[in-house]
């Protein structure tokens, strides 16, 4: 039997051969699909990054001195579009954080807090996560809900060392929330702690002024 006839017969009659070829074909199809999916994902990611760059530029223009309210509204819409059209984008935490900052600047405290929480929920890490946590505390402070502001500043401080560049800002915010929240003893302790841990702080005079303005502790 000629070799080509033998091969044809084997392919027709061999169940193993048929399944082997089907399997190889499936692998090739899956490989092509994976490549196509990767290419599609790459294109989507590129579009999302370009959209974020454009939105970030609008946000910067919106926060410039003398910028009209329309500029902020345009930037807000652009950042919201990035989040809605590219929900799985790796830059979504940054988009949410920038959106939150614009809302906070506009006095939209609850909406800003929601955007900061989205930034954290979408995977913000490191400094970006700390900044978002700090923003949540600022939003409560802006609403004069000092009890929740204290809790938020405390939560933001968790895991930070005194050498972290945000540590001073968070501790100062905590003291401020304690002071205006009617807890001068706790505020005194926090301000004193800050001066002890950051003796070279450029805010030393302001902190000492805050300490001096607090009611004197009761005599034992």
C-alpha atoms as a PDB file:
ATOM      1  CA  UNK A   1       0.000   0.000   0.000  1.00  0.00           C
ATOM      2  CA  UNK A   2       1.434   3.358  -0.960  1.00  0.00           C
ATOM      3  CA  UNK A   3       2.422   5.482   2.005  1.00  0.00           C
ATOM      4  CA  UNK A   4      -0.101   8.216   1.264  1.00  0.00           C
ATOM      5  CA  UNK A   5      -2.943   5.656   1.138  1.00  0.00           C
ATOM      6  CA  UNK A   6      -1.783   4.135   4.410  1.00  0.00           C
ATOM      7  CA  UNK A   7      -1.766   7.531   6.102  1.00  0.00           C
ATOM      8  CA  UNK A   8      -5.215   8.346   4.736  1.00  0.00           C
ATOM      9  CA  UNK A   9      -6.605   5.026   5.990  1.00  0.00           C
ATOM     10  CA  UNK A  10      -4.986   5.510   9.415  1.00  0.00           C
ATOM     11  CA  UNK A  11      -6.455   8.973   9.733  1.00  0.00           C
ATOM     12  CA  UNK A  12      -9.909   7.698   8.807  1.00  0.00           C
ATOM     13  CA  UNK A  13      -9.870   4.666  11.065  1.00  0.00           C
ATOM     14  CA  UNK A  14      -7.781   5.722  14.022  1.00  0.00           C
ATOM     15  CA  UNK A  15      -9.921   7.298  16.708  1.00  0.00           C
ATOM     16  CA  UNK A  16      -6.787   8.345  18.565  1.00  0.00           C
ATOM     17  CA  UNK A  17      -5.468  10.153  15.530  1.00  0.00           C
ATOM     18  CA  UNK A  18      -8.734  11.995  15.032  1.00  0.00           C
ATOM     19  CA  UNK A  19      -8.819  13.180  18.641  1.00  0.00           C
ATOM     20  CA  UNK A  20      -5.137  14.100  18.491  1.00  0.00           C
ATOM     21  CA  UNK A  21      -5.710  16.290  15.453  1.00  0.00           C
ATOM     22  CA  UNK A  22      -8.840  17.767  17.006  1.00  0.00           C
ATOM     23  CA  UNK A  23      -6.815  18.544  20.117  1.00  0.00           C
ATOM     24  CA  UNK A  24      -4.011  20.132  18.125  1.00  0.00           C
ATOM     25  CA  UNK A  25      -6.551  22.138  16.167  1.00  0.00           C
ATOM     26  CA  UNK A  26      -8.156  23.305  19.379  1.00  0.00           C
ATOM     27  CA  UNK A  27      -4.782  24.372  20.741  1.00  0.00           C
ATOM     28  CA  UNK A  28      -4.092  26.332  17.584  1.00  0.00           C
ATOM     29  CA  UNK A  29      -7.502  27.996  17.788  1.00  0.00           C
ATOM     30  CA  UNK A  30      -7.021  28.761  21.469  1.00  0.00           C
ATOM     31  CA  UNK A  31      -3.567  30.105  20.753  1.00  0.00           C
ATOM     32  CA  UNK A  32      -4.929  32.372  18.059  1.00  0.00           C
ATOM     33  CA  UNK A  33      -7.764  33.458  20.337  1.00  0.00           C
ATOM     34  CA  UNK A  34      -5.330  34.159  23.161  1.00  0.00           C
ATOM     35  CA  UNK A  35      -3.155  36.231  20.863  1.00  0.00           C
ATOM     36  CA  UNK A  36      -6.207  38.073  19.601  1.00  0.00           C
ATOM     37  CA  UNK A  37      -7.422  38.603  23.158  1.00  0.00           C
ATOM     38  CA  UNK A  38      -4.024  39.896  24.208  1.00  0.00           C
ATOM     39  CA  UNK A  39      -3.947  42.268  21.258  1.00  0.00           C
ATOM     40  CA  UNK A  40      -7.473  43.453  22.068  1.00  0.00           C
ATOM     41  CA  UNK A  41      -6.568  43.952  25.724  1.00  0.00           C
ATOM     42  CA  UNK A  42      -3.427  45.843  24.763  1.00  0.00           C
ATOM     43  CA  UNK A  43      -5.407  48.126  22.475  1.00  0.00           C
ATOM     44  CA  UNK A  44      -8.014  48.710  25.182  1.00  0.00           C
ATOM     45  CA  UNK A  45      -5.327  49.493  27.738  1.00  0.00           C
ATOM     46  CA  UNK A  46      -3.673  51.936  25.356  1.00  0.00           C
ATOM     47  CA  UNK A  47      -6.960  53.735  24.732  1.00  0.00           C
ATOM     48  CA  UNK A  48      -7.623  53.893  28.462  1.00  0.00           C
ATOM     49  CA  UNK A  49      -4.184  55.346  29.162  1.00  0.00           C
ATOM     50  CA  UNK A  50      -4.595  57.981  26.484  1.00  0.00           C
ATOM     51  CA  UNK A  51      -8.003  58.877  27.914  1.00  0.00           C
ATOM     52  CA  UNK A  52      -6.516  59.168  31.410  1.00  0.00           C
ATOM     53  CA  UNK A  53      -3.671  61.389  30.192  1.00  0.00           C
ATOM     54  CA  UNK A  54      -6.170  63.689  28.484  1.00  0.00           C
ATOM     55  CA  UNK A  55      -8.435  63.741  31.554  1.00  0.00           C
ATOM     56  CA  UNK A  56      -5.494  64.427  33.881  1.00  0.00           C
ATOM     57  CA  UNK A  57      -4.493  67.371  31.702  1.00  0.00           C
ATOM     58  CA  UNK A  58      -8.035  68.735  31.943  1.00  0.00           C
ATOM     59  CA  UNK A  59      -7.947  68.272  35.721  1.00  0.00           C
ATOM     60  CA  UNK A  60      -4.713  70.235  35.944  1.00  0.00           C
ATOM     61  CA  UNK A  61      -6.202  73.045  33.890  1.00  0.00           C
ATOM     62  CA  UNK A  62      -9.313  73.020  36.083  1.00  0.00           C
ATOM     63  CA  UNK A  63      -7.281  73.590  39.254  1.00  0.00           C
ATOM     64  CA  UNK A  64      -5.258  76.463  37.812  1.00  0.00           C
ATOM     65  CA  UNK A  65      -5.879  79.888  39.391  1.00  0.00           C
ATOM     66  CA  UNK A  66      -8.841  81.609  37.790  1.00  0.00           C
ATOM     67  CA  UNK A  67     -10.051  78.491  35.979  1.00  0.00           C
ATOM     68  CA  UNK A  68     -13.795  78.671  35.205  1.00  0.00           C
ATOM     69  CA  UNK A  69     -16.266  76.211  36.699  1.00  0.00           C
ATOM     70  CA  UNK A  70     -16.855  74.801  33.217  1.00  0.00           C
ATOM     71  CA  UNK A  71     -13.255  73.577  33.147  1.00  0.00           C
ATOM     72  CA  UNK A  72     -13.794  71.571  36.322  1.00  0.00           C
ATOM     73  CA  UNK A  73     -17.048  70.112  35.011  1.00  0.00           C
ATOM     74  CA  UNK A  74     -15.305  69.059  31.801  1.00  0.00           C
ATOM     75  CA  UNK A  75     -12.494  67.395  33.748  1.00  0.00           C
ATOM     76  CA  UNK A  76     -14.980  65.622  36.017  1.00  0.00           C
ATOM     77  CA  UNK A  77     -16.836  64.202  33.024  1.00  0.00           C
ATOM     78  CA  UNK A  78     -13.599  63.066  31.404  1.00  0.00           C
ATOM     79  CA  UNK A  79     -12.434  61.217  34.528  1.00  0.00           C
ATOM     80  CA  UNK A  80     -15.858  59.661  35.068  1.00  0.00           C
ATOM     81  CA  UNK A  81     -15.769  58.445  31.465  1.00  0.00           C
ATOM     82  CA  UNK A  82     -12.407  56.757  32.029  1.00  0.00           C
ATOM     83  CA  UNK A  83     -13.867  54.837  34.968  1.00  0.00           C
ATOM     84  CA  UNK A  84     -17.124  53.859  33.273  1.00  0.00           C
ATOM     85  CA  UNK A  85     -15.666  52.897  29.897  1.00  0.00           C
ATOM     86  CA  UNK A  86     -12.522  51.210  31.232  1.00  0.00           C
ATOM     87  CA  UNK A  87     -13.507  49.636  34.585  1.00  0.00           C
ATOM     88  CA  UNK A  88     -10.692  47.047  34.478  1.00  0.00           C
ATOM     89  CA  UNK A  89      -8.007  49.514  33.475  1.00  0.00           C
ATOM     90  CA  UNK A  90      -4.894  49.291  35.654  1.00  0.00           C
ATOM     91  CA  UNK A  91      -4.899  53.083  35.920  1.00  0.00           C
ATOM     92  CA  UNK A  92      -8.444  53.182  37.319  1.00  0.00           C
ATOM     93  CA  UNK A  93      -7.230  53.878  40.894  1.00  0.00           C
ATOM     94  CA  UNK A  94      -5.405  56.980  39.673  1.00  0.00           C
ATOM     95  CA  UNK A  95      -8.434  58.122  37.674  1.00  0.00           C
ATOM     96  CA  UNK A  96     -10.665  57.696  40.734  1.00  0.00           C
ATOM     97  CA  UNK A  97      -8.170  59.545  42.930  1.00  0.00           C
ATOM     98  CA  UNK A  98      -7.972  62.491  40.534  1.00  0.00           C
ATOM     99  CA  UNK A  99     -11.760  62.549  40.310  1.00  0.00           C
ATOM    100  CA  UNK A 100     -11.997  62.582  44.109  1.00  0.00           C
ATOM    101  CA  UNK A 101      -9.567  65.499  44.384  1.00  0.00           C
ATOM    102  CA  UNK A 102     -11.624  67.593  41.978  1.00  0.00           C
ATOM    103  CA  UNK A 103     -14.802  66.808  43.880  1.00  0.00           C
ATOM    104  CA  UNK A 104     -13.180  67.643  47.204  1.00  0.00           C
ATOM    105  CA  UNK A 105     -11.906  70.928  45.793  1.00  0.00           C
ATOM    106  CA  UNK A 106     -15.473  71.701  44.715  1.00  0.00           C
ATOM    107  CA  UNK A 107     -16.786  71.026  48.223  1.00  0.00           C
ATOM    108  CA  UNK A 108     -18.539  67.812  47.149  1.00  0.00           C
ATOM    109  CA  UNK A 109     -17.388  65.943  50.238  1.00  0.00           C
ATOM    110  CA  UNK A 110     -19.585  62.851  50.058  1.00  0.00           C
ATOM    111  CA  UNK A 111     -18.955  62.383  46.328  1.00  0.00           C
ATOM    112  CA  UNK A 112     -15.226  62.887  46.857  1.00  0.00           C
ATOM    113  CA  UNK A 113     -15.201  60.291  49.616  1.00  0.00           C
ATOM    114  CA  UNK A 114     -16.954  57.825  47.339  1.00  0.00           C
ATOM    115  CA  UNK A 115     -14.309  58.327  44.650  1.00  0.00           C
ATOM    116  CA  UNK A 116     -11.457  57.899  47.142  1.00  0.00           C
ATOM    117  CA  UNK A 117     -13.069  54.651  48.264  1.00  0.00           C
ATOM    118  CA  UNK A 118     -13.298  53.531  44.629  1.00  0.00           C
ATOM    119  CA  UNK A 119      -9.579  54.227  44.205  1.00  0.00           C
ATOM    120  CA  UNK A 120      -8.820  51.939  47.141  1.00  0.00           C
ATOM    121  CA  UNK A 121     -11.330  49.292  46.043  1.00  0.00           C
ATOM    122  CA  UNK A 122      -9.807  49.189  42.560  1.00  0.00           C
ATOM    123  CA  UNK A 123      -6.417  48.314  43.958  1.00  0.00           C
ATOM    124  CA  UNK A 124      -4.573  51.508  44.849  1.00  0.00           C
ATOM    125  CA  UNK A 125      -1.314  50.621  46.583  1.00  0.00           C
ATOM    126  CA  UNK A 126       1.563  52.391  48.279  1.00  0.00           C
ATOM    127  CA  UNK A 127       1.508  56.171  48.297  1.00  0.00           C
ATOM    128  CA  UNK A 128      -1.639  56.376  46.173  1.00  0.00           C
ATOM    129  CA  UNK A 129      -3.545  54.263  48.694  1.00  0.00           C
ATOM    130  CA  UNK A 130      -2.277  56.422  51.571  1.00  0.00           C
ATOM    131  CA  UNK A 131      -3.284  59.591  49.732  1.00  0.00           C
ATOM    132  CA  UNK A 132      -6.765  58.199  49.079  1.00  0.00           C
ATOM    133  CA  UNK A 133      -7.123  57.259  52.757  1.00  0.00           C
ATOM    134  CA  UNK A 134      -6.020  60.769  53.713  1.00  0.00           C
ATOM    135  CA  UNK A 135      -8.577  62.196  51.294  1.00  0.00           C
ATOM    136  CA  UNK A 136     -11.340  60.231  53.019  1.00  0.00           C
ATOM    137  CA  UNK A 137     -10.324  61.805  56.330  1.00  0.00           C
ATOM    138  CA  UNK A 138     -10.300  65.277  54.748  1.00  0.00           C
ATOM    139  CA  UNK A 139     -13.799  64.708  53.376  1.00  0.00           C
ATOM    140  CA  UNK A 140     -15.173  63.967  56.856  1.00  0.00           C
ATOM    141  CA  UNK A 141     -13.303  66.935  58.279  1.00  0.00           C
ATOM    142  CA  UNK A 142     -14.747  69.144  55.541  1.00  0.00           C
ATOM    143  CA  UNK A 143     -18.222  68.092  56.648  1.00  0.00           C
ATOM    144  CA  UNK A 144     -17.255  68.832  60.261  1.00  0.00           C
ATOM    145  CA  UNK A 145     -17.923  65.251  61.235  1.00  0.00           C
ATOM    146  CA  UNK A 146     -14.918  65.193  63.520  1.00  0.00           C
ATOM    147  CA  UNK A 147     -15.625  61.818  65.100  1.00  0.00           C
ATOM    148  CA  UNK A 148     -15.484  60.107  61.711  1.00  0.00           C
ATOM    149  CA  UNK A 149     -12.568  62.287  60.677  1.00  0.00           C
ATOM    150  CA  UNK A 150     -10.611  61.084  63.718  1.00  0.00           C
ATOM    151  CA  UNK A 151     -11.376  57.468  62.857  1.00  0.00           C
ATOM    152  CA  UNK A 152     -10.353  58.034  59.233  1.00  0.00           C
ATOM    153  CA  UNK A 153      -7.069  59.726  60.175  1.00  0.00           C
ATOM    154  CA  UNK A 154      -6.331  56.864  62.564  1.00  0.00           C
ATOM    155  CA  UNK A 155      -7.058  54.332  59.830  1.00  0.00           C
ATOM    156  CA  UNK A 156      -4.846  56.233  57.386  1.00  0.00           C
ATOM    157  CA  UNK A 157      -1.994  56.196  59.912  1.00  0.00           C
ATOM    158  CA  UNK A 158      -2.096  52.422  60.301  1.00  0.00           C
ATOM    159  CA  UNK A 159       1.015  50.836  58.884  1.00  0.00           C
ATOM    160  CA  UNK A 160       2.907  54.114  58.420  1.00  0.00           C
ATOM    161  CA  UNK A 161       6.185  54.872  60.151  1.00  0.00           C
ATOM    162  CA  UNK A 162       7.203  58.271  61.467  1.00  0.00           C
ATOM    163  CA  UNK A 163       9.582  58.528  58.491  1.00  0.00           C
ATOM    164  CA  UNK A 164       6.798  58.333  55.923  1.00  0.00           C
ATOM    165  CA  UNK A 165       6.375  61.673  54.173  1.00  0.00           C
ATOM    166  CA  UNK A 166       2.598  61.604  54.781  1.00  0.00           C
ATOM    167  CA  UNK A 167       2.938  60.740  58.462  1.00  0.00           C
ATOM    168  CA  UNK A 168       3.221  64.346  59.630  1.00  0.00           C
ATOM    169  CA  UNK A 169       0.195  65.465  57.607  1.00  0.00           C
ATOM    170  CA  UNK A 170      -1.916  62.605  58.925  1.00  0.00           C
ATOM    171  CA  UNK A 171      -0.906  63.108  62.547  1.00  0.00           C
ATOM    172  CA  UNK A 172      -1.526  66.842  62.296  1.00  0.00           C
ATOM    173  CA  UNK A 173      -4.944  66.132  60.797  1.00  0.00           C
ATOM    174  CA  UNK A 174      -5.730  63.751  63.628  1.00  0.00           C
ATOM    175  CA  UNK A 175      -4.810  66.381  66.207  1.00  0.00           C
ATOM    176  CA  UNK A 176      -6.920  68.967  64.412  1.00  0.00           C
ATOM    177  CA  UNK A 177      -9.943  66.637  64.308  1.00  0.00           C
ATOM    178  CA  UNK A 178      -9.506  65.885  68.007  1.00  0.00           C
ATOM    179  CA  UNK A 179      -9.192  69.572  68.843  1.00  0.00           C
ATOM    180  CA  UNK A 180     -12.258  70.710  66.913  1.00  0.00           C
ATOM    181  CA  UNK A 181     -14.117  67.566  67.889  1.00  0.00           C
ATOM    182  CA  UNK A 182     -14.043  68.614  71.538  1.00  0.00           C
ATOM    183  CA  UNK A 183     -11.260  66.339  72.754  1.00  0.00           C
ATOM    184  CA  UNK A 184      -8.480  68.756  73.773  1.00  0.00           C
ATOM    185  CA  UNK A 185      -6.650  66.202  75.918  1.00  0.00           C
ATOM    186  CA  UNK A 186      -6.253  63.847  72.967  1.00  0.00           C
ATOM    187  CA  UNK A 187      -5.294  66.758  70.702  1.00  0.00           C
ATOM    188  CA  UNK A 188      -2.612  67.848  73.165  1.00  0.00           C
ATOM    189  CA  UNK A 189      -1.210  64.338  73.233  1.00  0.00           C
ATOM    190  CA  UNK A 190      -1.188  64.104  69.426  1.00  0.00           C
ATOM    191  CA  UNK A 191       0.449  67.511  68.886  1.00  0.00           C
ATOM    192  CA  UNK A 192       3.076  66.739  71.532  1.00  0.00           C
ATOM    193  CA  UNK A 193       3.735  63.379  69.912  1.00  0.00           C
ATOM    194  CA  UNK A 194       4.247  65.065  66.559  1.00  0.00           C
ATOM    195  CA  UNK A 195       6.781  67.528  67.993  1.00  0.00           C
ATOM    196  CA  UNK A 196       8.602  64.660  69.675  1.00  0.00           C
ATOM    197  CA  UNK A 197       8.706  62.420  66.600  1.00  0.00           C
ATOM    198  CA  UNK A 198       9.331  65.239  64.117  1.00  0.00           C
ATOM    199  CA  UNK A 199      11.337  67.851  66.070  1.00  0.00           C
ATOM    200  CA  UNK A 200      12.635  69.413  62.851  1.00  0.00           C
ATOM    201  CA  UNK A 201       9.193  69.917  61.305  1.00  0.00           C
ATOM    202  CA  UNK A 202       8.676  73.239  59.559  1.00  0.00           C
ATOM    203  CA  UNK A 203       5.255  73.390  61.205  1.00  0.00           C
ATOM    204  CA  UNK A 204       6.695  73.426  64.711  1.00  0.00           C
ATOM    205  CA  UNK A 205       5.635  77.026  65.408  1.00  0.00           C
ATOM    206  CA  UNK A 206       2.091  76.355  64.222  1.00  0.00           C
ATOM    207  CA  UNK A 207       1.866  73.186  66.322  1.00  0.00           C
ATOM    208  CA  UNK A 208       3.138  74.991  69.418  1.00  0.00           C
ATOM    209  CA  UNK A 209       0.573  77.709  68.770  1.00  0.00           C
ATOM    210  CA  UNK A 210      -2.166  75.088  68.616  1.00  0.00           C
ATOM    211  CA  UNK A 211      -0.926  73.571  71.863  1.00  0.00           C
ATOM    212  CA  UNK A 212      -0.946  76.975  73.556  1.00  0.00           C
ATOM    213  CA  UNK A 213      -4.537  77.589  72.448  1.00  0.00           C
ATOM    214  CA  UNK A 214      -5.798  74.379  74.036  1.00  0.00           C
ATOM    215  CA  UNK A 215      -7.388  74.514  77.497  1.00  0.00           C
ATOM    216  CA  UNK A 216      -4.915  73.791  80.255  1.00  0.00           C
ATOM    217  CA  UNK A 217      -5.101  70.196  81.458  1.00  0.00           C
ATOM    218  CA  UNK A 218      -6.898  69.789  84.789  1.00  0.00           C
ATOM    219  CA  UNK A 219      -4.642  69.763  87.815  1.00  0.00           C
ATOM    220  CA  UNK A 220      -4.252  66.418  89.483  1.00  0.00           C
END
